[in-house]
Amino acid sequence: MPLITWSDKYSVNIKEIDEQHKKLVGMINELHDAMMHAKSKEVSVEIIDKMAEYTKYHFSTEEKYMKQFRYPDYEVHKISHEKFVEQVLEFKKGYESGKTGLTYDLLNFLKNWLVTHIQASDKKYAPFFVEHGLN
């Protein structure tokens, strides 16, 4: 059973970005599945690595359009992206060194951050992007 089920309430109505969000949801669900089935630490680290890299790619997509369209809240949005990447990398370091484990706290953090970020921050830029011809 997935931790997050994609629904239209998460859509920003921009195909490229919605597809990227769906992929991130899938990765969180994959990590959840690995945890539920007690898969090896290596599998979990691989998923976390993949998620960290894809998240950077996704954030660069959003930020590219923000710069291109001169989105007024670009700096604030970019800072939230940077903080998220830092938190994921810190968790990864702790997990690899054995200082922290894969817990529901982490999964809930990832889930809550993504859902809140999409519904609060990303939905703010969506109409602005659409006005500039992105859909």
N, C-alpha and C. Protein backbone atom coordinates (compact mmCIF):
# COMPACT_ATOMS: atom_id res chain seq x y z
N MET A 1 0.84 -1.19 0.00
CA MET A 1 0.00 0.00 0.00
C MET A 1 0.88 1.25 0.00
N PRO A 2 0.65 2.16 -0.94
CA PRO A 2 1.51 3.35 -1.01
C PRO A 2 1.30 4.30 0.17
N LEU A 3 2.35 5.02 0.48
CA LEU A 3 2.28 6.03 1.53
C LEU A 3 1.53 7.26 1.01
N ILE A 4 1.75 7.58 -0.26
CA ILE A 4 1.08 8.72 -0.90
C ILE A 4 0.40 8.21 -2.17
N THR A 5 -0.85 8.56 -2.34
CA THR A 5 -1.56 8.25 -3.57
C THR A 5 -1.77 9.55 -4.33
N TRP A 6 -1.25 9.60 -5.55
CA TRP A 6 -1.39 10.82 -6.36
C TRP A 6 -2.86 11.10 -6.64
N SER A 7 -3.23 12.34 -6.54
CA SER A 7 -4.58 12.74 -6.93
C SER A 7 -4.50 14.14 -7.55
N ASP A 8 -5.58 14.55 -8.17
CA ASP A 8 -5.62 15.85 -8.82
C ASP A 8 -5.40 17.01 -7.86
N LYS A 9 -5.63 16.80 -6.57
CA LYS A 9 -5.41 17.90 -5.62
C LYS A 9 -3.94 18.30 -5.54
N TYR A 10 -3.04 17.42 -6.04
CA TYR A 10 -1.61 17.74 -6.06
C TYR A 10 -1.18 18.36 -7.39
N SER A 11 -2.06 18.37 -8.37
CA SER A 11 -1.70 18.86 -9.70
C SER A 11 -1.53 20.37 -9.71
N VAL A 12 -0.48 20.81 -10.42
CA VAL A 12 -0.29 22.25 -10.65
C VAL A 12 -0.73 22.61 -12.07
N ASN A 13 -1.28 21.62 -12.77
CA ASN A 13 -1.79 21.79 -14.14
C ASN A 13 -0.72 22.20 -15.14
N ILE A 14 0.50 21.76 -14.88
CA ILE A 14 1.61 21.93 -15.81
C ILE A 14 2.19 20.53 -15.98
N LYS A 15 2.01 19.97 -17.16
CA LYS A 15 2.31 18.56 -17.39
C LYS A 15 3.72 18.15 -16.94
N GLU A 16 4.72 18.88 -17.37
CA GLU A 16 6.11 18.53 -17.05
C GLU A 16 6.33 18.46 -15.53
N ILE A 17 5.82 19.44 -14.82
CA ILE A 17 6.03 19.50 -13.37
C ILE A 17 5.18 18.45 -12.66
N ASP A 18 3.94 18.25 -13.10
CA ASP A 18 3.12 17.19 -12.51
C ASP A 18 3.78 15.82 -12.67
N GLU A 19 4.37 15.56 -13.84
CA GLU A 19 5.05 14.27 -14.06
C GLU A 19 6.23 14.13 -13.11
N GLN A 20 6.96 15.20 -12.90
CA GLN A 20 8.09 15.15 -11.96
C GLN A 20 7.60 14.93 -10.53
N HIS A 21 6.52 15.60 -10.16
CA HIS A 21 5.96 15.39 -8.81
C HIS A 21 5.51 13.94 -8.64
N LYS A 22 4.89 13.38 -9.66
CA LYS A 22 4.46 11.98 -9.60
C LYS A 22 5.65 11.05 -9.40
N LYS A 23 6.75 11.36 -10.06
CA LYS A 23 7.95 10.53 -9.92
C LYS A 23 8.48 10.63 -8.48
N LEU A 24 8.47 11.81 -7.90
CA LEU A 24 8.91 11.97 -6.51
C LEU A 24 7.99 11.21 -5.55
N VAL A 25 6.70 11.27 -5.80
CA VAL A 25 5.74 10.50 -4.99
C VAL A 25 6.08 9.01 -5.10
N GLY A 26 6.38 8.56 -6.32
CA GLY A 26 6.73 7.16 -6.53
C GLY A 26 7.98 6.76 -5.76
N MET A 27 8.95 7.64 -5.70
CA MET A 27 10.20 7.35 -4.97
C MET A 27 9.95 7.26 -3.47
N ILE A 28 9.12 8.15 -2.95
CA ILE A 28 8.78 8.07 -1.53
C ILE A 28 8.06 6.76 -1.26
N ASN A 29 7.16 6.38 -2.14
CA ASN A 29 6.45 5.11 -1.98
C ASN A 29 7.41 3.92 -2.07
N GLU A 30 8.41 4.03 -2.94
CA GLU A 30 9.42 2.97 -3.09
C GLU A 30 10.23 2.83 -1.79
N LEU A 31 10.60 3.95 -1.19
CA LEU A 31 11.33 3.93 0.07
C LEU A 31 10.45 3.34 1.17
N HIS A 32 9.20 3.72 1.19
CA HIS A 32 8.24 3.17 2.15
C HIS A 32 8.14 1.65 2.00
N ASP A 33 8.05 1.19 0.76
CA ASP A 33 7.96 -0.24 0.49
C ASP A 33 9.23 -0.96 0.97
N ALA A 34 10.38 -0.37 0.72
CA ALA A 34 11.64 -0.97 1.17
C ALA A 34 11.66 -1.10 2.69
N MET A 35 11.17 -0.09 3.36
CA MET A 35 11.12 -0.11 4.82
C MET A 35 10.14 -1.17 5.31
N MET A 36 8.97 -1.21 4.70
CA MET A 36 7.94 -2.17 5.13
C MET A 36 8.38 -3.62 4.93
N HIS A 37 9.22 -3.85 3.93
CA HIS A 37 9.66 -5.22 3.64
C HIS A 37 11.08 -5.48 4.12
N ALA A 38 11.55 -4.63 5.01
CA ALA A 38 12.87 -4.79 5.64
C ALA A 38 13.96 -5.11 4.62
N LYS A 39 13.96 -4.33 3.55
CA LYS A 39 15.00 -4.53 2.53
C LYS A 39 16.33 -4.00 3.06
N SER A 40 17.38 -4.39 2.43
CA SER A 40 18.72 -4.07 2.91
C SER A 40 18.98 -2.57 2.95
N LYS A 41 19.95 -2.22 3.77
CA LYS A 41 20.37 -0.83 3.89
C LYS A 41 20.83 -0.29 2.53
N GLU A 42 21.51 -1.15 1.75
CA GLU A 42 22.01 -0.73 0.44
C GLU A 42 20.87 -0.33 -0.48
N VAL A 43 19.75 -1.08 -0.44
CA VAL A 43 18.59 -0.76 -1.28
C VAL A 43 18.03 0.59 -0.86
N SER A 44 17.92 0.82 0.44
CA SER A 44 17.39 2.09 0.94
C SER A 44 18.29 3.26 0.57
N VAL A 45 19.61 3.08 0.70
CA VAL A 45 20.55 4.14 0.34
C VAL A 45 20.45 4.43 -1.16
N GLU A 46 20.30 3.39 -1.96
CA GLU A 46 20.16 3.57 -3.41
C GLU A 46 18.91 4.40 -3.73
N ILE A 47 17.80 4.12 -3.06
CA ILE A 47 16.56 4.87 -3.28
C ILE A 47 16.74 6.32 -2.83
N ILE A 48 17.36 6.51 -1.68
CA ILE A 48 17.58 7.87 -1.16
C ILE A 48 18.49 8.65 -2.11
N ASP A 49 19.54 7.99 -2.62
CA ASP A 49 20.43 8.65 -3.60
C ASP A 49 19.65 9.07 -4.84
N LYS A 50 18.86 8.14 -5.35
CA LYS A 50 18.07 8.40 -6.56
C LYS A 50 17.10 9.56 -6.30
N MET A 51 16.48 9.57 -5.12
CA MET A 51 15.52 10.62 -4.79
C MET A 51 16.24 11.97 -4.65
N ALA A 52 17.40 11.98 -4.03
CA ALA A 52 18.15 13.24 -3.87
C ALA A 52 18.54 13.81 -5.23
N GLU A 53 19.03 12.96 -6.12
CA GLU A 53 19.42 13.42 -7.45
C GLU A 53 18.21 13.90 -8.25
N TYR A 54 17.14 13.15 -8.20
CA TYR A 54 15.96 13.53 -8.97
C TYR A 54 15.34 14.82 -8.41
N THR A 55 15.38 14.97 -7.11
CA THR A 55 14.84 16.18 -6.48
C THR A 55 15.62 17.40 -6.97
N LYS A 56 16.95 17.28 -7.04
CA LYS A 56 17.75 18.40 -7.55
C LYS A 56 17.35 18.72 -8.99
N TYR A 57 17.17 17.69 -9.79
CA TYR A 57 16.74 17.87 -11.19
C TYR A 57 15.38 18.59 -11.25
N HIS A 58 14.44 18.10 -10.43
CA HIS A 58 13.10 18.70 -10.41
C HIS A 58 13.17 20.17 -9.97
N PHE A 59 13.91 20.44 -8.91
CA PHE A 59 14.03 21.81 -8.43
C PHE A 59 14.65 22.70 -9.51
N SER A 60 15.62 22.18 -10.24
CA SER A 60 16.25 22.99 -11.28
C SER A 60 15.24 23.31 -12.39
N THR A 61 14.32 22.39 -12.65
CA THR A 61 13.26 22.66 -13.65
C THR A 61 12.39 23.82 -13.19
N GLU A 62 11.90 23.74 -11.95
CA GLU A 62 11.07 24.82 -11.43
C GLU A 62 11.82 26.15 -11.43
N GLU A 63 13.05 26.11 -10.96
CA GLU A 63 13.83 27.34 -10.84
C GLU A 63 14.17 27.93 -12.21
N LYS A 64 14.37 27.09 -13.21
CA LYS A 64 14.62 27.56 -14.58
C LYS A 64 13.44 28.40 -15.05
N TYR A 65 12.22 27.90 -14.85
CA TYR A 65 11.04 28.64 -15.27
C TYR A 65 10.83 29.90 -14.43
N MET A 66 11.15 29.81 -13.15
CA MET A 66 11.01 30.98 -12.29
C MET A 66 11.92 32.11 -12.78
N LYS A 67 13.14 31.76 -13.12
CA LYS A 67 14.07 32.78 -13.64
C LYS A 67 13.61 33.28 -15.01
N GLN A 68 13.22 32.36 -15.86
CA GLN A 68 12.80 32.72 -17.22
C GLN A 68 11.62 33.68 -17.20
N PHE A 69 10.66 33.42 -16.30
CA PHE A 69 9.44 34.25 -16.25
C PHE A 69 9.53 35.37 -15.21
N ARG A 70 10.68 35.45 -14.53
CA ARG A 70 10.89 36.46 -13.47
C ARG A 70 9.83 36.33 -12.36
N TYR A 71 9.70 35.13 -11.85
CA TYR A 71 8.74 34.86 -10.79
C TYR A 71 9.13 35.65 -9.54
N PRO A 72 8.22 36.45 -8.98
CA PRO A 72 8.57 37.35 -7.87
C PRO A 72 9.03 36.65 -6.59
N ASP A 73 8.57 35.42 -6.33
CA ASP A 73 8.97 34.72 -5.10
C ASP A 73 10.08 33.70 -5.34
N TYR A 74 10.85 33.91 -6.39
CA TYR A 74 11.90 32.97 -6.76
C TYR A 74 12.86 32.69 -5.60
N GLU A 75 13.39 33.73 -4.98
CA GLU A 75 14.41 33.54 -3.93
C GLU A 75 13.87 32.72 -2.76
N VAL A 76 12.67 33.02 -2.33
CA VAL A 76 12.07 32.29 -1.20
C VAL A 76 11.88 30.83 -1.57
N HIS A 77 11.40 30.59 -2.77
CA HIS A 77 11.15 29.22 -3.23
C HIS A 77 12.47 28.46 -3.34
N LYS A 78 13.47 29.11 -3.89
CA LYS A 78 14.80 28.49 -4.04
C LYS A 78 15.38 28.11 -2.69
N ILE A 79 15.24 28.96 -1.70
CA ILE A 79 15.76 28.68 -0.36
C ILE A 79 15.07 27.44 0.23
N SER A 80 13.77 27.31 0.03
CA SER A 80 13.07 26.13 0.56
C SER A 80 13.59 24.86 -0.13
N HIS A 81 13.91 24.95 -1.42
CA HIS A 81 14.50 23.81 -2.14
C HIS A 81 15.86 23.45 -1.54
N GLU A 82 16.69 24.46 -1.32
CA GLU A 82 18.04 24.22 -0.79
C GLU A 82 17.98 23.58 0.59
N LYS A 83 17.09 24.06 1.43
CA LYS A 83 16.96 23.50 2.79
C LYS A 83 16.52 22.04 2.74
N PHE A 84 15.60 21.72 1.83
CA PHE A 84 15.14 20.35 1.70
C PHE A 84 16.29 19.43 1.27
N VAL A 85 17.05 19.83 0.26
CA VAL A 85 18.17 19.02 -0.21
C VAL A 85 19.18 18.82 0.91
N GLU A 86 19.47 19.88 1.67
CA GLU A 86 20.40 19.77 2.80
C GLU A 86 19.90 18.75 3.82
N GLN A 87 18.60 18.80 4.14
CA GLN A 87 18.04 17.87 5.12
C GLN A 87 18.12 16.43 4.64
N VAL A 88 17.84 16.19 3.38
CA VAL A 88 17.91 14.83 2.84
C VAL A 88 19.35 14.34 2.85
N LEU A 89 20.30 15.18 2.45
CA LEU A 89 21.70 14.77 2.45
C LEU A 89 22.22 14.51 3.86
N GLU A 90 21.78 15.31 4.82
CA GLU A 90 22.16 15.08 6.22
C GLU A 90 21.62 13.74 6.71
N PHE A 91 20.37 13.46 6.38
CA PHE A 91 19.79 12.18 6.77
C PHE A 91 20.59 11.04 6.15
N LYS A 92 20.92 11.17 4.87
CA LYS A 92 21.65 10.13 4.16
C LYS A 92 22.99 9.86 4.83
N LYS A 93 23.72 10.91 5.19
CA LYS A 93 25.00 10.75 5.87
C LYS A 93 24.82 10.00 7.19
N GLY A 94 23.81 10.40 7.95
CA GLY A 94 23.54 9.74 9.23
C GLY A 94 23.15 8.29 9.05
N TYR A 95 22.37 8.02 8.03
CA TYR A 95 21.91 6.65 7.76
C TYR A 95 23.08 5.77 7.33
N GLU A 96 23.92 6.30 6.43
CA GLU A 96 25.07 5.52 5.96
C GLU A 96 26.06 5.23 7.08
N SER A 97 26.20 6.17 8.01
CA SER A 97 27.14 5.98 9.11
C SER A 97 26.55 5.17 10.26
N GLY A 98 25.25 4.88 10.18
CA GLY A 98 24.61 4.10 11.24
C GLY A 98 24.10 4.93 12.40
N LYS A 99 24.20 6.26 12.30
CA LYS A 99 23.74 7.14 13.39
C LYS A 99 22.23 7.26 13.42
N THR A 100 21.60 7.16 12.26
CA THR A 100 20.13 7.25 12.20
C THR A 100 19.60 6.08 11.38
N GLY A 101 18.38 5.71 11.65
CA GLY A 101 17.75 4.62 10.92
C GLY A 101 16.65 5.13 10.01
N LEU A 102 16.17 4.23 9.19
CA LEU A 102 15.04 4.55 8.33
C LEU A 102 13.79 4.41 9.18
N THR A 103 13.16 5.54 9.48
CA THR A 103 12.02 5.52 10.38
C THR A 103 10.80 6.15 9.73
N TYR A 104 9.67 5.94 10.38
CA TYR A 104 8.45 6.59 9.90
C TYR A 104 8.55 8.10 10.02
N ASP A 105 9.37 8.58 10.95
CA ASP A 105 9.57 10.03 11.06
C ASP A 105 10.14 10.59 9.76
N LEU A 106 11.13 9.88 9.20
CA LEU A 106 11.71 10.33 7.94
C LEU A 106 10.67 10.26 6.82
N LEU A 107 9.98 9.14 6.72
CA LEU A 107 8.98 9.00 5.67
C LEU A 107 7.89 10.06 5.80
N ASN A 108 7.46 10.31 7.01
CA ASN A 108 6.44 11.35 7.21
C ASN A 108 6.99 12.72 6.88
N PHE A 109 8.27 12.97 7.21
CA PHE A 109 8.89 14.24 6.84
C PHE A 109 8.86 14.40 5.32
N LEU A 110 9.31 13.37 4.58
CA LEU A 110 9.33 13.44 3.12
C LEU A 110 7.93 13.65 2.55
N LYS A 111 7.01 12.86 3.06
CA LYS A 111 5.62 12.96 2.58
C LYS A 111 5.05 14.34 2.86
N ASN A 112 5.16 14.78 4.11
CA ASN A 112 4.58 16.07 4.50
C ASN A 112 5.25 17.23 3.77
N TRP A 113 6.58 17.16 3.62
CA TRP A 113 7.26 18.24 2.93
C TRP A 113 6.79 18.32 1.49
N LEU A 114 6.76 17.19 0.80
CA LEU A 114 6.38 17.20 -0.61
C LEU A 114 4.94 17.67 -0.80
N VAL A 115 4.03 17.09 -0.04
CA VAL A 115 2.61 17.45 -0.17
C VAL A 115 2.40 18.93 0.16
N THR A 116 2.98 19.38 1.26
CA THR A 116 2.83 20.78 1.66
C THR A 116 3.48 21.70 0.65
N HIS A 117 4.66 21.33 0.17
CA HIS A 117 5.37 22.16 -0.79
C HIS A 117 4.57 22.30 -2.09
N ILE A 118 4.02 21.18 -2.56
CA ILE A 118 3.22 21.24 -3.79
C ILE A 118 1.98 22.09 -3.56
N GLN A 119 1.25 21.79 -2.49
CA GLN A 119 -0.05 22.45 -2.29
C GLN A 119 0.07 23.91 -1.86
N ALA A 120 1.16 24.27 -1.22
CA ALA A 120 1.30 25.66 -0.78
C ALA A 120 2.19 26.45 -1.75
N SER A 121 3.44 26.06 -1.86
CA SER A 121 4.40 26.84 -2.66
C SER A 121 4.22 26.68 -4.16
N ASP A 122 4.14 25.43 -4.62
CA ASP A 122 4.08 25.20 -6.07
C ASP A 122 2.77 25.68 -6.67
N LYS A 123 1.70 25.53 -5.95
CA LYS A 123 0.41 26.00 -6.49
C LYS A 123 0.38 27.53 -6.61
N LYS A 124 1.27 28.21 -5.88
CA LYS A 124 1.34 29.67 -5.99
C LYS A 124 1.94 30.07 -7.34
N TYR A 125 2.96 29.35 -7.79
CA TYR A 125 3.59 29.74 -9.06
C TYR A 125 2.81 29.24 -10.27
N ALA A 126 2.00 28.22 -10.11
CA ALA A 126 1.31 27.60 -11.25
C ALA A 126 0.56 28.61 -12.12
N PRO A 127 -0.32 29.45 -11.58
CA PRO A 127 -1.04 30.40 -12.44
C PRO A 127 -0.08 31.37 -13.16
N PHE A 128 0.99 31.74 -12.47
CA PHE A 128 1.99 32.63 -13.05
C PHE A 128 2.67 31.97 -14.25
N PHE A 129 3.02 30.70 -14.10
CA PHE A 129 3.66 29.96 -15.20
C PHE A 129 2.69 29.80 -16.36
N VAL A 130 1.44 29.47 -16.05
CA VAL A 130 0.42 29.28 -17.10
C VAL A 130 0.21 30.59 -17.86
N GLU A 131 0.18 31.71 -17.12
CA GLU A 131 0.05 33.04 -17.77
C GLU A 131 1.17 33.29 -18.77
N HIS A 132 2.32 32.70 -18.50
CA HIS A 132 3.48 32.87 -19.39
C HIS A 132 3.59 31.77 -20.44
N GLY A 133 2.52 31.00 -20.58
CA GLY A 133 2.45 30.03 -21.68
C GLY A 133 2.86 28.61 -21.37
N LEU A 134 3.17 28.31 -20.11
CA LEU A 134 3.56 26.96 -19.75
C LEU A 134 2.33 26.17 -19.34
N ASN A 135 2.16 24.98 -19.89
CA ASN A 135 1.02 24.14 -19.47
C ASN A 135 1.34 22.68 -19.65
